[in-house]
């Protein structure tokens, strides 16, 4: 046909006429809508194409099934060439904001927090401009998630608290539940489990009240993780089982991956290592299938720890190295510091102190840049212990003077006191 727009609109009509499964369970079930969306964009009927995204729940279902790249392809067709500077091609600013935020979600799931932040920041600017409080709260909460992925937990908490305030002002129970859950995760990572559980229980109560099955499963899993971290693996397993049951019912692959991994860690704590590895291998398979780089990285690191606590240090090193490389690529400095510390532990137990020192120093350097006091003190102590066993007096003195100077620069009173005390001890023994 000579009229290309007419031809594309006929294609749209054809694809929309095709029947869809009543309960779609995979990407292929939505293919007619994906095709209709494509032809709408080719006909430059962008608003029609955008309406298909939520009319057929594409954004939710493809996210649920772990298809972020497909979502990016769909969203990019609804954005101008320069996503941030060119004039929007969608007539409705709120819709444009939604697409930008959804792009952020997709990049977040691909393990690209810096890129996700760019999109969330643009979504936040537009939300404020059009006085869309819901969009503002969501963007702020999502920015908190990305800073959490980057290891900037205190910064993340500030975003979560702002998000919670907006949700309560709007009386949005869904938004309130999400913000409470995010605060729980942040406090879990800061090793304040009792505070974390308080937030999670509030989030769970709301999820059950409003019938948010996905939120319910995520919160069950998060509570399980907190109990696991305070040494109650059997209680943790009960929560993971509830979460996995819901994941299976709603088809949430990403959360299933997370809960399988956590089941593995719980069984590892119970000394059931074969079971632990089995669960983690299932999680790793799903992470790679859905291209969840953050999830893949976490599973690899945890598998390293399972082998480490079985005394299989060489296998642990291999997993820690794979995890560290992914963390380096996606820019997760906190995660990379954890991997480097774990590599230091493994090489120390392998009787290779020089290699251990190398990894501990890299981990400590990142913790200093992140200004993470708790992690800083732990890594400095570990590094000092290895130095004491592997170094001459001159090296030890050099080490303490170096970190005393750094402690003064970053104004870390614990680091200053530690180094001054050890210097005094060494100088006293030398006398």
Protein backbone atom coordinates (compact mmCIF):
# COMPACT_ATOMS: atom_id res chain seq x y z
CA UNK A 1 0.00 0.00 0.00
CA UNK A 2 1.18 3.51 -0.83
CA UNK A 3 -0.10 4.99 2.41
CA UNK A 4 2.25 3.49 5.03
CA UNK A 5 0.33 4.91 7.97
CA UNK A 6 -2.86 3.27 6.74
CA UNK A 7 -1.02 -0.03 6.31
CA UNK A 8 0.36 0.09 9.86
CA UNK A 9 -3.05 0.95 11.30
CA UNK A 10 -4.57 -2.05 9.47
CA UNK A 11 -1.88 -4.18 11.11
CA UNK A 12 -2.82 -2.67 14.50
CA UNK A 13 -6.46 -3.55 13.90
CA UNK A 14 -5.51 -7.11 12.89
CA UNK A 15 -3.26 -7.78 15.91
CA UNK A 16 -5.78 -6.31 18.36
CA UNK A 17 -8.42 -8.66 16.94
CA UNK A 18 -6.39 -11.74 17.90
CA UNK A 19 -7.60 -13.48 21.08
CA UNK A 20 -5.35 -13.45 24.15
CA UNK A 21 -5.12 -16.14 26.85
CA UNK A 22 -7.37 -15.37 29.80
CA UNK A 23 -4.38 -15.71 32.16
CA UNK A 24 -1.16 -15.02 30.23
CA UNK A 25 1.93 -16.67 31.73
CA UNK A 26 4.75 -15.91 29.26
CA UNK A 27 5.98 -13.25 26.85
CA UNK A 28 4.68 -15.13 23.79
CA UNK A 29 1.11 -14.83 25.13
CA UNK A 30 1.37 -11.05 24.74
CA UNK A 31 3.00 -11.06 21.30
CA UNK A 32 -0.12 -9.75 19.44
CA UNK A 33 -0.15 -6.67 21.71
CA UNK A 34 3.60 -6.16 21.30
CA UNK A 35 3.07 -6.25 17.50
CA UNK A 36 0.11 -3.85 17.71
CA UNK A 37 2.26 -1.51 19.83
CA UNK A 38 5.05 -1.62 17.24
CA UNK A 39 2.73 -0.78 14.32
CA UNK A 40 1.07 2.03 16.30
CA UNK A 41 4.50 3.61 16.79
CA UNK A 42 5.36 3.15 13.10
CA UNK A 43 2.10 4.97 12.27
CA UNK A 44 3.20 7.69 14.76
CA UNK A 45 0.14 7.01 16.89
CA UNK A 46 2.25 7.13 20.03
CA UNK A 47 -0.55 7.82 22.50
CA UNK A 48 -2.47 4.81 21.21
CA UNK A 49 0.67 2.69 21.60
CA UNK A 50 1.18 3.99 25.15
CA UNK A 51 -2.41 3.17 26.11
CA UNK A 52 -1.77 -0.47 25.20
CA UNK A 53 1.02 -0.71 27.79
CA UNK A 54 -1.33 -0.43 30.76
CA UNK A 55 -4.61 -1.46 29.13
CA UNK A 56 -3.12 -4.94 28.64
CA UNK A 57 -0.92 -4.76 31.77
CA UNK A 58 2.25 -5.20 29.68
CA UNK A 59 4.41 -3.22 32.11
CA UNK A 60 3.40 -5.40 35.08
CA UNK A 61 3.44 -8.80 33.38
CA UNK A 62 6.77 -8.46 31.54
CA UNK A 63 8.34 -7.13 34.74
CA UNK A 64 6.84 -10.05 36.67
CA UNK A 65 8.34 -12.52 34.18
CA UNK A 66 11.75 -10.82 34.22
CA UNK A 67 11.82 -9.33 30.71
CA UNK A 68 13.47 -5.89 31.21
CA UNK A 69 15.07 -5.75 27.75
CA UNK A 70 11.72 -6.30 26.04
CA UNK A 71 10.24 -3.51 28.19
CA UNK A 72 13.08 -1.15 27.22
CA UNK A 73 12.39 -1.83 23.52
CA UNK A 74 8.70 -1.03 24.07
CA UNK A 75 9.34 2.14 26.12
CA UNK A 76 12.04 3.54 23.82
CA UNK A 77 9.53 3.75 20.98
CA UNK A 78 7.48 6.13 23.14
CA UNK A 79 10.37 8.51 23.88
CA UNK A 80 12.08 11.13 21.67
CA UNK A 81 15.56 10.51 20.27
CA UNK A 82 17.18 12.27 23.22
CA UNK A 83 15.12 10.86 26.07
CA UNK A 84 15.79 13.78 28.42
CA UNK A 85 16.26 16.90 26.28
CA UNK A 86 14.02 16.57 23.22
CA UNK A 87 10.34 17.48 23.25
CA UNK A 88 8.16 14.52 24.37
CA UNK A 89 6.30 12.69 21.60
CA UNK A 90 3.46 11.77 23.97
CA UNK A 91 0.77 14.42 24.45
CA UNK A 92 0.17 13.68 28.12
CA UNK A 93 3.02 14.70 30.48
CA UNK A 94 1.86 12.22 33.12
CA UNK A 95 2.14 9.40 30.58
CA UNK A 96 5.60 10.63 29.59
CA UNK A 97 6.58 10.61 33.27
CA UNK A 98 5.29 7.05 33.62
CA UNK A 99 7.41 5.85 30.66
CA UNK A 100 10.57 7.50 32.05
CA UNK A 101 10.00 5.91 35.47
CA UNK A 102 9.34 2.53 33.83
CA UNK A 103 12.63 2.82 31.92
CA UNK A 104 14.30 3.39 35.28
CA UNK A 105 12.68 0.21 36.63
CA UNK A 106 13.91 -1.82 33.66
CA UNK A 107 17.51 -0.56 33.99
CA UNK A 108 17.37 -1.18 37.73
CA UNK A 109 16.46 -4.82 37.10
CA UNK A 110 19.33 -5.10 34.61
CA UNK A 111 21.72 -4.02 37.38
CA UNK A 112 22.45 -0.55 36.00
CA UNK A 113 21.68 1.72 38.99
CA UNK A 114 23.40 4.84 37.59
CA UNK A 115 21.31 4.67 34.42
CA UNK A 116 18.16 3.99 36.43
CA UNK A 117 18.87 7.09 38.56
CA UNK A 118 18.96 9.29 35.42
CA UNK A 119 15.45 8.19 34.44
CA UNK A 120 14.04 8.44 37.97
CA UNK A 121 15.45 11.96 38.36
CA UNK A 122 13.74 13.04 35.12
CA UNK A 123 10.49 11.40 36.26
CA UNK A 124 10.77 13.30 39.56
CA UNK A 125 11.29 16.65 37.79
CA UNK A 126 8.17 16.13 35.64
CA UNK A 127 6.12 14.89 38.63
CA UNK A 128 6.88 18.10 40.54
CA UNK A 129 6.22 20.21 37.45
CA UNK A 130 2.72 18.76 36.93
CA UNK A 131 2.06 18.41 40.68
CA UNK A 132 1.71 14.62 40.45
CA UNK A 133 2.27 13.58 44.07
CA UNK A 134 1.91 9.87 43.29
CA UNK A 135 4.64 10.06 40.63
CA UNK A 136 6.79 12.15 42.96
CA UNK A 137 6.53 9.62 45.78
CA UNK A 138 7.27 6.69 43.47
CA UNK A 139 10.31 8.42 41.92
CA UNK A 140 11.71 9.31 45.34
CA UNK A 141 11.26 5.72 46.57
CA UNK A 142 12.92 4.35 43.44
CA UNK A 143 15.88 6.71 43.85
CA UNK A 144 16.22 5.33 47.37
CA UNK A 145 16.37 1.80 45.96
CA UNK A 146 19.17 2.69 43.54
CA UNK A 147 21.25 4.43 46.20
CA UNK A 148 20.73 1.36 48.35
CA UNK A 149 22.07 -0.79 45.48
CA UNK A 150 25.09 1.54 45.35
CA UNK A 151 25.70 0.99 49.08
CA UNK A 152 24.67 4.52 50.13
CA UNK A 153 22.22 3.31 52.77
CA UNK A 154 21.84 6.50 54.82
CA UNK A 155 21.09 8.44 51.64
CA UNK A 156 18.58 5.75 50.63
CA UNK A 157 16.81 6.03 54.02
CA UNK A 158 16.29 9.78 53.52
CA UNK A 159 14.58 9.07 50.19
CA UNK A 160 12.43 6.33 51.73
CA UNK A 161 11.32 8.61 54.56
CA UNK A 162 10.29 11.30 52.06
CA UNK A 163 8.43 8.68 50.03
CA UNK A 164 6.62 7.42 53.15
CA UNK A 165 5.60 10.97 54.10
CA UNK A 166 4.09 11.59 50.64
CA UNK A 167 2.27 8.23 50.66
CA UNK A 168 0.68 9.00 54.03
CA UNK A 169 -0.30 12.50 52.93
CA UNK A 170 -2.00 10.96 49.88
CA UNK A 171 -3.44 8.12 51.97
CA UNK A 172 -1.92 5.70 49.48
CA UNK A 173 -1.81 2.34 51.26
CA UNK A 174 0.17 0.77 48.41
CA UNK A 175 2.78 3.54 48.48
CA UNK A 176 2.97 3.40 52.26
CA UNK A 177 3.55 -0.36 52.18
CA UNK A 178 6.33 -0.01 49.58
CA UNK A 179 8.11 2.72 51.57
CA UNK A 180 7.87 0.77 54.83
CA UNK A 181 9.27 -2.33 53.12
CA UNK A 182 12.16 -0.33 51.66
CA UNK A 183 12.98 1.11 55.09
CA UNK A 184 12.99 -2.42 56.49
CA UNK A 185 15.51 -3.52 53.86
CA UNK A 186 17.74 -0.53 54.54
CA UNK A 187 17.81 -1.22 58.28
CA UNK A 188 18.47 -4.91 57.63
CA UNK A 189 21.54 -3.87 55.61
CA UNK A 190 22.58 -1.53 58.42
CA UNK A 191 22.38 -4.50 60.81
CA UNK A 192 19.46 -3.18 62.81
CA UNK A 193 17.19 -6.26 62.51
CA UNK A 194 14.62 -5.43 65.17
CA UNK A 195 13.95 -2.05 63.58
CA UNK A 196 13.77 -3.75 60.16
CA UNK A 197 11.17 -6.30 61.34
CA UNK A 198 8.98 -3.49 62.75
CA UNK A 199 8.87 -1.84 59.32
CA UNK A 200 8.31 -5.15 57.51
CA UNK A 201 5.41 -6.14 59.76
CA UNK A 202 3.68 -2.82 59.08
CA UNK A 203 4.25 -3.31 55.32
CA UNK A 204 2.92 -6.89 55.45
CA UNK A 205 -0.23 -5.85 57.29
CA UNK A 206 -1.01 -3.27 54.58
CA UNK A 207 -0.22 -5.68 51.70
CA UNK A 208 -2.66 -8.27 53.10
CA UNK A 209 -5.28 -5.57 53.74
CA UNK A 210 -5.21 -4.24 50.14
CA UNK A 211 -4.75 -7.66 48.49
CA UNK A 212 -1.27 -6.92 47.11
CA UNK A 213 -0.06 -10.50 46.62
CA UNK A 214 3.27 -9.51 45.14
CA UNK A 215 4.00 -7.11 47.99
CA UNK A 216 2.95 -9.79 50.45
CA UNK A 217 5.41 -12.32 48.98
CA UNK A 218 8.27 -9.80 48.92
CA UNK A 219 7.66 -8.86 52.55
CA UNK A 220 7.45 -12.50 53.70
CA UNK A 221 10.83 -13.04 52.06
CA UNK A 222 12.32 -9.92 53.65
CA UNK A 223 11.15 -10.93 57.13
CA UNK A 224 12.64 -14.36 56.54
CA UNK A 225 15.99 -12.82 55.65
CA UNK A 226 16.02 -10.70 58.78
CA UNK A 227 15.31 -13.74 60.99
CA UNK A 228 18.04 -15.65 59.16
CA UNK A 229 20.52 -12.88 59.87
CA UNK A 230 19.76 -12.92 63.60
CA UNK A 231 20.39 -16.67 63.72
CA UNK A 232 16.88 -18.11 63.41
CA UNK A 233 17.10 -20.08 60.12
CA UNK A 234 14.13 -22.39 60.82
CA UNK A 235 11.85 -19.40 61.36
CA UNK A 236 13.32 -17.83 58.21
CA UNK A 237 12.51 -20.95 56.17
CA UNK A 238 8.85 -20.73 57.25
CA UNK A 239 8.64 -17.21 55.81
CA UNK A 240 10.50 -18.17 52.60
CA UNK A 241 8.09 -21.06 52.05
CA UNK A 242 5.11 -18.69 52.30
CA UNK A 243 6.79 -16.29 49.88
CA UNK A 244 7.64 -19.03 47.36
CA UNK A 245 4.07 -20.32 47.44
CA UNK A 246 2.76 -16.89 46.41
CA UNK A 247 5.57 -16.45 43.84
CA UNK A 248 4.47 -19.68 42.16
CA UNK A 249 0.82 -18.64 42.18
CA UNK A 250 1.42 -15.21 40.59
CA UNK A 251 4.44 -16.19 38.44
CA UNK A 252 6.93 -13.72 39.95
CA UNK A 253 10.27 -15.06 38.66
CA UNK A 254 12.43 -12.35 40.20
CA UNK A 255 11.08 -12.84 43.70
CA UNK A 256 11.19 -16.61 43.27
CA UNK A 257 14.88 -16.33 42.45
CA UNK A 258 15.48 -14.23 45.57
CA UNK A 259 13.60 -16.58 47.88
CA UNK A 260 15.26 -19.73 46.48
CA UNK A 261 18.64 -18.14 47.16
CA UNK A 262 17.61 -17.21 50.69
CA UNK A 263 16.33 -20.75 51.33
CA UNK A 264 19.78 -21.93 50.32
CA UNK A 265 21.43 -19.64 52.85
CA UNK A 266 19.06 -20.74 55.60
CA UNK A 267 19.80 -24.42 54.96
CA UNK A 268 23.50 -23.62 54.93
CA UNK A 269 23.18 -22.19 58.45
CA UNK A 270 21.54 -25.48 59.48
CA UNK A 271 24.55 -27.37 58.08
CA UNK A 272 22.55 -28.85 55.18
CA UNK A 273 25.05 -27.73 52.52
CA UNK A 274 23.92 -30.00 49.67
CA UNK A 275 20.38 -28.65 49.99
CA UNK A 276 21.78 -25.13 50.25
CA UNK A 277 23.77 -25.41 47.01
CA UNK A 278 20.75 -26.95 45.26
CA UNK A 279 18.50 -23.98 46.10
CA UNK A 280 21.19 -21.48 45.11
CA UNK A 281 21.76 -23.22 41.76
CA UNK A 282 18.03 -22.96 41.03
CA UNK A 283 18.19 -19.23 41.90
CA UNK A 284 21.28 -18.68 39.73
CA UNK A 285 19.57 -20.33 36.76
CA UNK A 286 16.56 -18.00 37.06
CA UNK A 287 18.76 -14.91 37.56
CA UNK A 288 20.58 -15.63 34.30
CA UNK A 289 17.34 -16.44 32.44
CA UNK A 290 15.77 -13.10 33.37
CA UNK A 291 19.05 -11.15 33.10
CA UNK A 292 18.93 -10.03 36.72
CA UNK A 293 22.55 -8.93 37.14
CA UNK A 294 22.14 -7.80 40.73
CA UNK A 295 20.45 -11.09 41.64
CA UNK A 296 23.07 -13.13 39.78
CA UNK A 297 25.80 -11.31 41.64
CA UNK A 298 24.17 -11.90 45.03
CA UNK A 299 23.68 -15.62 44.35
CA UNK A 300 27.31 -16.02 43.26
CA UNK A 301 28.55 -14.24 46.39
CA UNK A 302 26.34 -16.35 48.63
CA UNK A 303 27.41 -19.58 46.93
CA UNK A 304 30.96 -18.49 47.64
CA UNK A 305 30.07 -18.13 51.32
CA UNK A 306 28.42 -21.57 51.42
CA UNK A 307 31.62 -23.16 50.09
CA UNK A 308 33.74 -20.98 52.39
CA UNK A 309 31.96 -22.19 55.53
CA UNK A 310 32.38 -25.78 54.33
CA UNK A 311 36.13 -25.14 54.26
CA UNK A 312 36.28 -25.31 50.44
CA UNK A 313 38.19 -22.07 50.04
CA UNK A 314 39.29 -22.48 46.39
CA UNK A 315 35.69 -22.95 45.22
CA UNK A 316 34.68 -19.98 47.38
CA UNK A 317 37.32 -17.80 45.68
CA UNK A 318 35.94 -18.62 42.23
CA UNK A 319 32.40 -17.58 43.17
CA UNK A 320 33.55 -14.42 45.00
CA UNK A 321 35.60 -13.35 41.98
CA UNK A 322 32.63 -13.76 39.62
CA UNK A 323 30.43 -11.76 41.98
CA UNK A 324 33.06 -9.01 42.40
CA UNK A 325 33.43 -8.64 38.64
CA UNK A 326 29.68 -8.15 38.15
CA UNK A 327 29.54 -5.68 41.05
CA UNK A 328 32.40 -3.74 39.47
CA UNK A 329 30.59 -3.60 36.12
CA UNK A 330 27.24 -2.48 37.54
CA UNK A 331 28.83 0.04 39.92
CA UNK A 332 27.72 -1.53 43.20
CA UNK A 333 30.59 -0.34 45.38
CA UNK A 334 29.12 -1.70 48.60
CA UNK A 335 28.66 -5.16 47.08
CA UNK A 336 32.15 -5.08 45.63
CA UNK A 337 33.60 -4.21 49.05
CA UNK A 338 31.82 -7.23 50.56
CA UNK A 339 33.21 -9.52 47.82
CA UNK A 340 36.74 -8.17 48.26
CA UNK A 341 36.53 -8.68 52.03
CA UNK A 342 35.34 -12.25 51.43
CA UNK A 343 38.24 -12.86 49.05
CA UNK A 344 40.58 -11.58 51.76
CA UNK A 345 39.06 -14.04 54.23
CA UNK A 346 39.42 -16.95 51.79
CA UNK A 347 43.04 -16.21 50.93
CA UNK A 348 43.86 -15.73 54.61
CA UNK A 349 42.47 -19.22 55.34
CA UNK A 350 44.37 -20.60 52.35
CA UNK A 351 47.59 -19.41 54.00
CA UNK A 352 48.24 -16.67 51.42
CA UNK A 353 48.47 -13.54 53.63
CA UNK A 354 49.93 -11.21 50.98
CA UNK A 355 47.03 -11.90 48.66
CA UNK A 356 44.61 -11.50 51.59
CA UNK A 357 46.14 -8.10 52.42
CA UNK A 358 45.73 -7.00 48.79
CA UNK A 359 41.99 -7.75 48.81
CA UNK A 360 41.38 -6.37 52.32
CA UNK A 361 43.07 -3.08 51.35
CA UNK A 362 40.84 -2.75 48.27
CA UNK A 363 37.75 -3.45 50.40
CA UNK A 364 38.85 -0.94 53.03
CA UNK A 365 39.51 1.72 50.39
CA UNK A 366 35.92 1.39 49.10
CA UNK A 367 34.48 1.51 52.65
CA UNK A 368 36.43 4.72 53.30
CA UNK A 369 34.99 6.29 50.13
CA UNK A 370 31.48 5.18 51.10
CA UNK A 371 32.09 6.44 54.66
CA UNK A 372 30.51 3.28 56.06
CA UNK A 373 31.62 3.29 59.70
CA UNK A 374 30.52 -0.24 60.63
CA UNK A 375 32.14 -1.85 57.59
CA UNK A 376 35.19 0.37 57.99
CA UNK A 377 36.02 -0.80 61.49
CA UNK A 378 35.44 -4.48 60.62
CA UNK A 379 37.74 -4.38 57.58
CA UNK A 380 40.46 -2.39 59.37
CA UNK A 381 40.55 -4.99 62.17
CA UNK A 382 40.73 -7.86 59.66
CA UNK A 383 43.50 -6.17 57.72
CA UNK A 384 45.44 -5.43 60.92
CA UNK A 385 45.22 -9.06 62.06
CA UNK A 386 46.72 -10.28 58.78
CA UNK A 387 49.39 -7.56 58.92
CA UNK A 388 50.36 -8.68 62.40
CA UNK A 389 50.89 -12.24 61.19
CA UNK A 390 52.66 -11.42 57.93
CA UNK A 391 54.60 -8.17 58.36
CA UNK A 392 57.73 -6.79 59.97
CA UNK A 393 57.62 -4.02 62.57
CA UNK A 394 58.37 -1.29 60.01
CA UNK A 395 55.46 -2.37 57.81
CA UNK A 396 53.10 -2.43 60.79
CA UNK A 397 54.14 1.08 61.82
CA UNK A 398 53.70 2.30 58.24
CA UNK A 399 50.27 0.73 58.07
CA UNK A 400 49.06 2.37 61.30
CA UNK A 401 50.45 5.81 60.40
CA UNK A 402 48.80 5.64 56.98
CA UNK A 403 45.35 4.83 58.38
CA UNK A 404 45.76 7.26 61.28
CA UNK A 405 46.24 10.03 58.70
CA UNK A 406 43.21 8.80 56.71
CA UNK A 407 41.14 8.65 59.93
CA UNK A 408 41.94 12.31 60.62
CA UNK A 409 41.05 13.34 57.07
CA UNK A 410 37.65 11.62 57.16
CA UNK A 411 37.15 12.53 60.84
CA UNK A 412 36.56 8.91 61.97
CA UNK A 413 37.13 8.91 65.74
CA UNK A 414 37.10 5.08 65.97
CA UNK A 415 39.81 4.70 63.30
CA UNK A 416 41.94 7.40 64.94
CA UNK A 417 41.64 5.79 68.39
CA UNK A 418 42.37 2.30 67.01
CA UNK A 419 45.52 3.38 65.16
CA UNK A 420 46.81 5.51 68.06
CA UNK A 421 46.29 2.62 70.50
CA UNK A 422 48.09 0.09 68.28
CA UNK A 423 50.96 2.54 67.64
CA UNK A 424 51.36 2.99 71.38
CA UNK A 425 51.41 -0.78 71.89
CA UNK A 426 54.02 -1.29 69.14
CA UNK A 427 56.25 1.55 70.32
CA UNK A 428 56.02 0.21 73.88
CA UNK A 429 57.03 -3.31 72.79
CA UNK A 430 59.92 -1.85 70.74
CA UNK A 431 61.24 -0.03 73.81
